[in-house]
């Protein structure tokens, strides 16, 4: 077809290609067309998300409530550690307190990000 089109000055080959493209169009270039999500799938996904958020909220809230019980004046704010580079002792923040503060901050972030309907479900 290409040869005859070139010799005869016609566009038979291009017209044939276009007819095939018109008959079988691409839906989305480089993508996939997906149908609607069935209701039961969306419900299951929503329930899973809700229960995950609820569990994370309960764990985080419990962690924050434990601070009053765990807090103690017996834990020093700083500790002495050996610095091999200077061959001396350095005073640093107590790693136990640093870890506790990080855990509390993480728990508070979970509590703050929890949707109100999840919190309300606890009664």
Foldseek 3Di string as FASTA:
>chain_A
DVVCCVVVVHCVVVVVVVVVCVVPPDDDVPDDDDDDDDPVVVVVVVVVVLVVLLVLLVVLVVLLVCCVVPDDPVDDQWDWDQDPVVRDIDIDGDPVVVVSVVSNVVSVVSNVPRDPVSVVVVD
